[in-house]
């Protein structure tokens, strides 16, 4: 598959190296290109990322996740665009699972999957794992679309037809927004074996209940009203 990997990064000097190393370890040579979008960082994010072979750093001065995703979209050329957060880690089966599902469903324009936490308290990881299995598939079935922002692959042609990412949304609801707009153009698939690992730092910082409520509200707000419920957010970098 002709896939470009895009990693948005704001002040991620602590995590970006681990993200890139995991890609080299589990998907070496499989991506057409790897682009890290330095999203107005004030630390050594760009310096750290640029030291890795095969990685190109693109700078985006307007802070915001959607601005970073849009910059990566415009800077790459792959037929498919994979989006992974800077605190995520590639898993051994991810690339083969993506290839398998797109081969089985060539009509699909977007593919997403769950996340698995590699840090944080054990009890939190034990809760979130099963919780995703009992919440994500029903939500996808009821609403008809779902995208996990730190773990999805979309066709370039579909993103172009959808008008790219909505830069008016800084953080919460950006994944539901792009999922809603893409779903009007073709199938957006949720597959539970397309797994990436990520840090539990936001869960640890905000708590499971608050984080779950925020993401749920913004997901359904996009479905019902076409906009996000939450307008502000806090950067969590530890």
C-alpha atoms as a PDB file:
ATOM      1  CA  UNK A   1       0.000   0.000   0.000  1.00  0.00           C
ATOM      2  CA  UNK A   2       1.068   3.546  -0.761  1.00  0.00           C
ATOM      3  CA  UNK A   3       0.813   5.005   2.777  1.00  0.00           C
ATOM      4  CA  UNK A   4       2.311   8.187   4.202  1.00  0.00           C
ATOM      5  CA  UNK A   5       2.580   8.401   8.003  1.00  0.00           C
ATOM      6  CA  UNK A   6       1.839  11.745   9.672  1.00  0.00           C
ATOM      7  CA  UNK A   7       2.709  12.415  13.323  1.00  0.00           C
ATOM      8  CA  UNK A   8       1.528  15.776  14.741  1.00  0.00           C
ATOM      9  CA  UNK A   9       3.736  16.919  17.620  1.00  0.00           C
ATOM     10  CA  UNK A  10       3.534  19.868  20.009  1.00  0.00           C
ATOM     11  CA  UNK A  11       6.297  19.963  22.651  1.00  0.00           C
ATOM     12  CA  UNK A  12       6.819  16.216  22.377  1.00  0.00           C
ATOM     13  CA  UNK A  13      10.606  15.942  22.761  1.00  0.00           C
ATOM     14  CA  UNK A  14      10.077  13.307  25.473  1.00  0.00           C
ATOM     15  CA  UNK A  15       7.785  11.055  23.410  1.00  0.00           C
ATOM     16  CA  UNK A  16       8.496  11.608  19.714  1.00  0.00           C
ATOM     17  CA  UNK A  17      11.658   9.493  19.687  1.00  0.00           C
ATOM     18  CA  UNK A  18       9.796   6.483  21.065  1.00  0.00           C
ATOM     19  CA  UNK A  19       7.056   6.893  18.471  1.00  0.00           C
ATOM     20  CA  UNK A  20       9.520   6.972  15.575  1.00  0.00           C
ATOM     21  CA  UNK A  21      11.590   4.098  16.959  1.00  0.00           C
ATOM     22  CA  UNK A  22       8.471   1.927  17.228  1.00  0.00           C
ATOM     23  CA  UNK A  23       7.667   2.625  13.569  1.00  0.00           C
ATOM     24  CA  UNK A  24      11.193   1.658  12.529  1.00  0.00           C
ATOM     25  CA  UNK A  25      10.964  -1.463  14.683  1.00  0.00           C
ATOM     26  CA  UNK A  26       7.580  -2.763  13.516  1.00  0.00           C
ATOM     27  CA  UNK A  27       6.990  -1.145  10.103  1.00  0.00           C
ATOM     28  CA  UNK A  28      10.457  -0.475   8.722  1.00  0.00           C
ATOM     29  CA  UNK A  29      10.386   0.461   5.040  1.00  0.00           C
ATOM     30  CA  UNK A  30       6.624   0.037   4.766  1.00  0.00           C
ATOM     31  CA  UNK A  31       5.593   3.686   4.720  1.00  0.00           C
ATOM     32  CA  UNK A  32       6.156   5.813   1.631  1.00  0.00           C
ATOM     33  CA  UNK A  33       7.252   8.631   3.932  1.00  0.00           C
ATOM     34  CA  UNK A  34       7.221   9.572   7.599  1.00  0.00           C
ATOM     35  CA  UNK A  35       6.396  13.205   8.355  1.00  0.00           C
ATOM     36  CA  UNK A  36       6.503  14.759  11.812  1.00  0.00           C
ATOM     37  CA  UNK A  37       4.563  18.024  11.996  1.00  0.00           C
ATOM     38  CA  UNK A  38       6.220  20.330  14.518  1.00  0.00           C
ATOM     39  CA  UNK A  39       3.143  22.205  15.679  1.00  0.00           C
ATOM     40  CA  UNK A  40       4.546  25.472  17.130  1.00  0.00           C
ATOM     41  CA  UNK A  41       6.722  23.609  19.628  1.00  0.00           C
ATOM     42  CA  UNK A  42       8.945  25.552  21.993  1.00  0.00           C
ATOM     43  CA  UNK A  43      11.120  22.582  22.927  1.00  0.00           C
ATOM     44  CA  UNK A  44      13.452  20.237  20.987  1.00  0.00           C
ATOM     45  CA  UNK A  45      10.709  18.270  19.203  1.00  0.00           C
ATOM     46  CA  UNK A  46      11.898  19.123  15.695  1.00  0.00           C
ATOM     47  CA  UNK A  47      15.548  18.553  16.584  1.00  0.00           C
ATOM     48  CA  UNK A  48      14.871  15.129  18.082  1.00  0.00           C
ATOM     49  CA  UNK A  49      12.638  13.984  15.220  1.00  0.00           C
ATOM     50  CA  UNK A  50      15.006  15.161  12.493  1.00  0.00           C
ATOM     51  CA  UNK A  51      17.810  12.945  13.817  1.00  0.00           C
ATOM     52  CA  UNK A  52      15.984   9.782  12.735  1.00  0.00           C
ATOM     53  CA  UNK A  53      16.620   8.437   9.219  1.00  0.00           C
ATOM     54  CA  UNK A  54      13.706   8.597   6.833  1.00  0.00           C
ATOM     55  CA  UNK A  55      11.875  11.243   8.858  1.00  0.00           C
ATOM     56  CA  UNK A  56      10.979  14.658   7.448  1.00  0.00           C
ATOM     57  CA  UNK A  57       9.958  17.482   9.773  1.00  0.00           C
ATOM     58  CA  UNK A  58       7.340  19.980   8.620  1.00  0.00           C
ATOM     59  CA  UNK A  59       6.653  23.125  10.648  1.00  0.00           C
ATOM     60  CA  UNK A  60       3.138  24.419  11.305  1.00  0.00           C
ATOM     61  CA  UNK A  61       3.013  27.738  13.168  1.00  0.00           C
ATOM     62  CA  UNK A  62      -0.702  27.695  13.995  1.00  0.00           C
ATOM     63  CA  UNK A  63      -1.065  25.625  17.148  1.00  0.00           C
ATOM     64  CA  UNK A  64      -3.857  23.093  17.107  1.00  0.00           C
ATOM     65  CA  UNK A  65      -4.235  19.426  16.279  1.00  0.00           C
ATOM     66  CA  UNK A  66      -6.326  19.980  13.169  1.00  0.00           C
ATOM     67  CA  UNK A  67      -3.845  22.549  11.864  1.00  0.00           C
ATOM     68  CA  UNK A  68      -1.061  20.007  12.331  1.00  0.00           C
ATOM     69  CA  UNK A  69      -3.040  17.250  10.617  1.00  0.00           C
ATOM     70  CA  UNK A  70      -3.847  19.581   7.715  1.00  0.00           C
ATOM     71  CA  UNK A  71      -0.189  20.554   7.349  1.00  0.00           C
ATOM     72  CA  UNK A  72       0.765  16.868   7.209  1.00  0.00           C
ATOM     73  CA  UNK A  73      -1.979  16.193   4.695  1.00  0.00           C
ATOM     74  CA  UNK A  74      -0.665  18.960   2.424  1.00  0.00           C
ATOM     75  CA  UNK A  75       2.993  17.980   2.814  1.00  0.00           C
ATOM     76  CA  UNK A  76       2.625  14.305   1.865  1.00  0.00           C
ATOM     77  CA  UNK A  77       1.865  12.450  -1.353  1.00  0.00           C
ATOM     78  CA  UNK A  78       0.675   8.965  -0.366  1.00  0.00           C
ATOM     79  CA  UNK A  79      -2.566   7.522  -1.719  1.00  0.00           C
ATOM     80  CA  UNK A  80      -3.397   6.686   1.916  1.00  0.00           C
ATOM     81  CA  UNK A  81      -2.597   8.875   4.917  1.00  0.00           C
ATOM     82  CA  UNK A  82      -2.026   7.318   8.339  1.00  0.00           C
ATOM     83  CA  UNK A  83      -2.304   9.526  11.420  1.00  0.00           C
ATOM     84  CA  UNK A  84      -0.590   8.582  14.664  1.00  0.00           C
ATOM     85  CA  UNK A  85      -0.125  10.718  17.786  1.00  0.00           C
ATOM     86  CA  UNK A  86       3.355  11.597  19.041  1.00  0.00           C
ATOM     87  CA  UNK A  87       2.876   9.613  22.250  1.00  0.00           C
ATOM     88  CA  UNK A  88       1.697   6.514  20.367  1.00  0.00           C
ATOM     89  CA  UNK A  89       3.685   3.366  19.646  1.00  0.00           C
ATOM     90  CA  UNK A  90       3.400   1.212  16.532  1.00  0.00           C
ATOM     91  CA  UNK A  91       2.417  -2.420  17.161  1.00  0.00           C
ATOM     92  CA  UNK A  92       3.753  -5.456  15.234  1.00  0.00           C
ATOM     93  CA  UNK A  93       0.404  -6.316  13.634  1.00  0.00           C
ATOM     94  CA  UNK A  94      -0.838  -2.803  12.780  1.00  0.00           C
ATOM     95  CA  UNK A  95       0.415  -2.490   9.192  1.00  0.00           C
ATOM     96  CA  UNK A  96      -0.630  -5.979   8.128  1.00  0.00           C
ATOM     97  CA  UNK A  97      -4.081  -5.448   9.664  1.00  0.00           C
ATOM     98  CA  UNK A  98      -4.511  -2.202   7.703  1.00  0.00           C
ATOM     99  CA  UNK A  99      -3.477  -3.899   4.462  1.00  0.00           C
ATOM    100  CA  UNK A 100      -5.809  -6.834   5.096  1.00  0.00           C
ATOM    101  CA  UNK A 101      -8.890  -4.736   5.808  1.00  0.00           C
ATOM    102  CA  UNK A 102      -8.402  -2.382   2.878  1.00  0.00           C
ATOM    103  CA  UNK A 103      -7.869  -5.378   0.576  1.00  0.00           C
ATOM    104  CA  UNK A 104     -11.088  -6.917   1.872  1.00  0.00           C
ATOM    105  CA  UNK A 105     -12.999  -3.624   1.661  1.00  0.00           C
ATOM    106  CA  UNK A 106     -11.597  -1.655  -1.307  1.00  0.00           C
ATOM    107  CA  UNK A 107     -14.594   0.670  -1.133  1.00  0.00           C
ATOM    108  CA  UNK A 108     -13.573   1.886   2.343  1.00  0.00           C
ATOM    109  CA  UNK A 109     -12.274   5.454   2.535  1.00  0.00           C
ATOM    110  CA  UNK A 110     -11.206   5.413   6.176  1.00  0.00           C
ATOM    111  CA  UNK A 111     -10.104   2.787   8.693  1.00  0.00           C
ATOM    112  CA  UNK A 112      -9.643   3.189  12.432  1.00  0.00           C
ATOM    113  CA  UNK A 113      -9.064   1.062  15.503  1.00  0.00           C
ATOM    114  CA  UNK A 114      -8.671   1.193  19.278  1.00  0.00           C
ATOM    115  CA  UNK A 115      -5.700   2.151  21.425  1.00  0.00           C
ATOM    116  CA  UNK A 116      -3.928   0.258  24.175  1.00  0.00           C
ATOM    117  CA  UNK A 117      -2.114   2.027  27.011  1.00  0.00           C
ATOM    118  CA  UNK A 118       1.536   1.230  27.624  1.00  0.00           C
ATOM    119  CA  UNK A 119       1.897   3.265  30.823  1.00  0.00           C
ATOM    120  CA  UNK A 120      -0.211   4.559  33.699  1.00  0.00           C
ATOM    121  CA  UNK A 121      -1.649   2.632  36.648  1.00  0.00           C
ATOM    122  CA  UNK A 122      -2.393  -1.032  36.024  1.00  0.00           C
ATOM    123  CA  UNK A 123      -5.981  -0.699  37.259  1.00  0.00           C
ATOM    124  CA  UNK A 124      -6.605   2.009  34.653  1.00  0.00           C
ATOM    125  CA  UNK A 125      -5.323  -0.164  31.826  1.00  0.00           C
ATOM    126  CA  UNK A 126      -7.427  -3.083  33.040  1.00  0.00           C
ATOM    127  CA  UNK A 127     -10.527  -0.887  32.941  1.00  0.00           C
ATOM    128  CA  UNK A 128      -9.980   0.858  29.616  1.00  0.00           C
ATOM    129  CA  UNK A 129      -9.156  -2.263  27.612  1.00  0.00           C
ATOM    130  CA  UNK A 130     -12.496  -4.046  28.126  1.00  0.00           C
ATOM    131  CA  UNK A 131     -14.350  -0.695  28.157  1.00  0.00           C
ATOM    132  CA  UNK A 132     -13.358  -0.014  24.556  1.00  0.00           C
ATOM    133  CA  UNK A 133     -14.705  -3.385  23.457  1.00  0.00           C
ATOM    134  CA  UNK A 134     -18.124  -2.698  25.006  1.00  0.00           C
ATOM    135  CA  UNK A 135     -18.402   0.981  23.952  1.00  0.00           C
ATOM    136  CA  UNK A 136     -16.702   1.496  20.571  1.00  0.00           C
ATOM    137  CA  UNK A 137     -18.545  -1.132  18.446  1.00  0.00           C
ATOM    138  CA  UNK A 138     -22.015  -0.118  19.752  1.00  0.00           C
ATOM    139  CA  UNK A 139     -21.233   3.588  19.263  1.00  0.00           C
ATOM    140  CA  UNK A 140     -20.051   2.864  15.730  1.00  0.00           C
ATOM    141  CA  UNK A 141     -23.173   0.799  15.004  1.00  0.00           C
ATOM    142  CA  UNK A 142     -25.572   3.431  16.388  1.00  0.00           C
ATOM    143  CA  UNK A 143     -23.976   6.522  14.851  1.00  0.00           C
ATOM    144  CA  UNK A 144     -22.619   4.973  11.659  1.00  0.00           C
ATOM    145  CA  UNK A 145     -19.146   6.466  11.886  1.00  0.00           C
ATOM    146  CA  UNK A 146     -16.233   6.645  14.308  1.00  0.00           C
ATOM    147  CA  UNK A 147     -12.580   7.655  14.119  1.00  0.00           C
ATOM    148  CA  UNK A 148      -9.987   7.348  16.892  1.00  0.00           C
ATOM    149  CA  UNK A 149      -7.902  10.472  16.280  1.00  0.00           C
ATOM    150  CA  UNK A 150      -4.545   8.967  17.153  1.00  0.00           C
ATOM    151  CA  UNK A 151      -5.053   5.856  15.051  1.00  0.00           C
ATOM    152  CA  UNK A 152      -6.641   6.086  11.612  1.00  0.00           C
ATOM    153  CA  UNK A 153      -5.884   5.787   7.901  1.00  0.00           C
ATOM    154  CA  UNK A 154      -7.801   7.741   5.247  1.00  0.00           C
ATOM    155  CA  UNK A 155      -7.696   7.909   1.481  1.00  0.00           C
ATOM    156  CA  UNK A 156      -6.149  11.136   0.229  1.00  0.00           C
ATOM    157  CA  UNK A 157      -8.853  11.524  -2.421  1.00  0.00           C
ATOM    158  CA  UNK A 158     -11.561  11.334   0.253  1.00  0.00           C
ATOM    159  CA  UNK A 159      -9.856  13.916   2.459  1.00  0.00           C
ATOM    160  CA  UNK A 160      -9.555  16.214  -0.546  1.00  0.00           C
ATOM    161  CA  UNK A 161     -13.254  15.826  -1.365  1.00  0.00           C
ATOM    162  CA  UNK A 162     -14.145  16.468   2.285  1.00  0.00           C
ATOM    163  CA  UNK A 163     -12.139  19.694   2.286  1.00  0.00           C
ATOM    164  CA  UNK A 164      -9.472  18.482   4.696  1.00  0.00           C
ATOM    165  CA  UNK A 165      -9.506  19.065   8.440  1.00  0.00           C
ATOM    166  CA  UNK A 166     -11.572  21.734  10.174  1.00  0.00           C
ATOM    167  CA  UNK A 167      -8.948  24.080  11.621  1.00  0.00           C
ATOM    168  CA  UNK A 168     -11.613  25.859  13.684  1.00  0.00           C
ATOM    169  CA  UNK A 169     -11.547  22.820  16.009  1.00  0.00           C
ATOM    170  CA  UNK A 170      -8.451  22.838  18.189  1.00  0.00           C
ATOM    171  CA  UNK A 171      -8.773  19.471  19.908  1.00  0.00           C
ATOM    172  CA  UNK A 172     -11.927  17.805  21.237  1.00  0.00           C
ATOM    173  CA  UNK A 173     -14.284  16.510  18.568  1.00  0.00           C
ATOM    174  CA  UNK A 174     -11.816  16.797  15.689  1.00  0.00           C
ATOM    175  CA  UNK A 175     -11.868  13.047  15.116  1.00  0.00           C
ATOM    176  CA  UNK A 176     -15.676  12.852  15.206  1.00  0.00           C
ATOM    177  CA  UNK A 177     -15.840  15.808  12.826  1.00  0.00           C
ATOM    178  CA  UNK A 178     -13.637  14.238  10.166  1.00  0.00           C
ATOM    179  CA  UNK A 179     -15.398  10.881  10.645  1.00  0.00           C
ATOM    180  CA  UNK A 180     -18.808  12.499  10.122  1.00  0.00           C
ATOM    181  CA  UNK A 181     -17.730  14.311   6.969  1.00  0.00           C
ATOM    182  CA  UNK A 182     -15.890  11.330   5.504  1.00  0.00           C
ATOM    183  CA  UNK A 183     -18.842   9.013   6.187  1.00  0.00           C
ATOM    184  CA  UNK A 184     -20.884  11.027   3.690  1.00  0.00           C
ATOM    185  CA  UNK A 185     -18.415  10.035   0.980  1.00  0.00           C
ATOM    186  CA  UNK A 186     -17.966   6.326   1.683  1.00  0.00           C
ATOM    187  CA  UNK A 187     -17.527   3.627   4.335  1.00  0.00           C
ATOM    188  CA  UNK A 188     -15.584   4.548   7.489  1.00  0.00           C
ATOM    189  CA  UNK A 189     -14.593   1.267   9.125  1.00  0.00           C
ATOM    190  CA  UNK A 190     -13.877   0.422  12.758  1.00  0.00           C
ATOM    191  CA  UNK A 191     -11.773  -2.709  13.175  1.00  0.00           C
ATOM    192  CA  UNK A 192     -10.728  -3.774  16.664  1.00  0.00           C
ATOM    193  CA  UNK A 193      -7.497  -5.467  15.531  1.00  0.00           C
ATOM    194  CA  UNK A 194      -6.041  -2.218  14.115  1.00  0.00           C
ATOM    195  CA  UNK A 195      -4.397  -1.369  17.437  1.00  0.00           C
ATOM    196  CA  UNK A 196      -1.845   1.244  18.414  1.00  0.00           C
ATOM    197  CA  UNK A 197      -0.403   1.782  21.865  1.00  0.00           C
ATOM    198  CA  UNK A 198      -0.445   5.198  23.523  1.00  0.00           C
ATOM    199  CA  UNK A 199       0.345   6.987  26.765  1.00  0.00           C
ATOM    200  CA  UNK A 200      -2.268   7.221  29.499  1.00  0.00           C
ATOM    201  CA  UNK A 201      -1.059  10.692  30.514  1.00  0.00           C
ATOM    202  CA  UNK A 202      -4.376  12.426  29.733  1.00  0.00           C
ATOM    203  CA  UNK A 203      -6.336   9.784  31.606  1.00  0.00           C
ATOM    204  CA  UNK A 204      -3.943  10.089  34.514  1.00  0.00           C
ATOM    205  CA  UNK A 205      -4.161  13.864  34.474  1.00  0.00           C
ATOM    206  CA  UNK A 206      -7.918  14.292  34.004  1.00  0.00           C
ATOM    207  CA  UNK A 207      -9.243  10.993  35.338  1.00  0.00           C
ATOM    208  CA  UNK A 208     -11.137   8.224  33.557  1.00  0.00           C
ATOM    209  CA  UNK A 209     -14.631   9.595  34.210  1.00  0.00           C
ATOM    210  CA  UNK A 210     -13.969  13.167  33.054  1.00  0.00           C
ATOM    211  CA  UNK A 211     -12.048  12.014  29.977  1.00  0.00           C
ATOM    212  CA  UNK A 212     -14.764   9.521  29.007  1.00  0.00           C
ATOM    213  CA  UNK A 213     -17.543  12.106  29.411  1.00  0.00           C
ATOM    214  CA  UNK A 214     -15.685  14.737  27.368  1.00  0.00           C
ATOM    215  CA  UNK A 215     -14.971  12.431  24.453  1.00  0.00           C
ATOM    216  CA  UNK A 216     -18.494  10.987  24.508  1.00  0.00           C
ATOM    217  CA  UNK A 217     -20.171  14.403  24.564  1.00  0.00           C
ATOM    218  CA  UNK A 218     -18.038  15.711  21.726  1.00  0.00           C
ATOM    219  CA  UNK A 219     -18.624  12.579  19.669  1.00  0.00           C
ATOM    220  CA  UNK A 220     -22.409  12.787  19.903  1.00  0.00           C
ATOM    221  CA  UNK A 221     -22.410  16.602  19.607  1.00  0.00           C
ATOM    222  CA  UNK A 222     -20.775  16.218  16.204  1.00  0.00           C
ATOM    223  CA  UNK A 223     -23.436  13.711  15.208  1.00  0.00           C
ATOM    224  CA  UNK A 224     -26.378  15.778  16.456  1.00  0.00           C
ATOM    225  CA  UNK A 225     -25.268  19.357  15.846  1.00  0.00           C
ATOM    226  CA  UNK A 226     -22.219  19.161  13.574  1.00  0.00           C
ATOM    227  CA  UNK A 227     -19.943  20.911  16.070  1.00  0.00           C
ATOM    228  CA  UNK A 228     -17.892  20.193  19.196  1.00  0.00           C
ATOM    229  CA  UNK A 229     -19.274  20.516  22.711  1.00  0.00           C
ATOM    230  CA  UNK A 230     -15.922  21.411  24.331  1.00  0.00           C
ATOM    231  CA  UNK A 231     -14.091  24.504  23.074  1.00  0.00           C
ATOM    232  CA  UNK A 232     -11.051  24.577  25.360  1.00  0.00           C
ATOM    233  CA  UNK A 233      -8.473  21.979  26.348  1.00  0.00           C
ATOM    234  CA  UNK A 234      -5.354  21.566  28.446  1.00  0.00           C
ATOM    235  CA  UNK A 235      -2.045  20.350  27.045  1.00  0.00           C
ATOM    236  CA  UNK A 236      -0.825  17.267  28.926  1.00  0.00           C
ATOM    237  CA  UNK A 237       2.860  16.555  28.344  1.00  0.00           C
ATOM    238  CA  UNK A 238       3.855  14.343  31.277  1.00  0.00           C
END
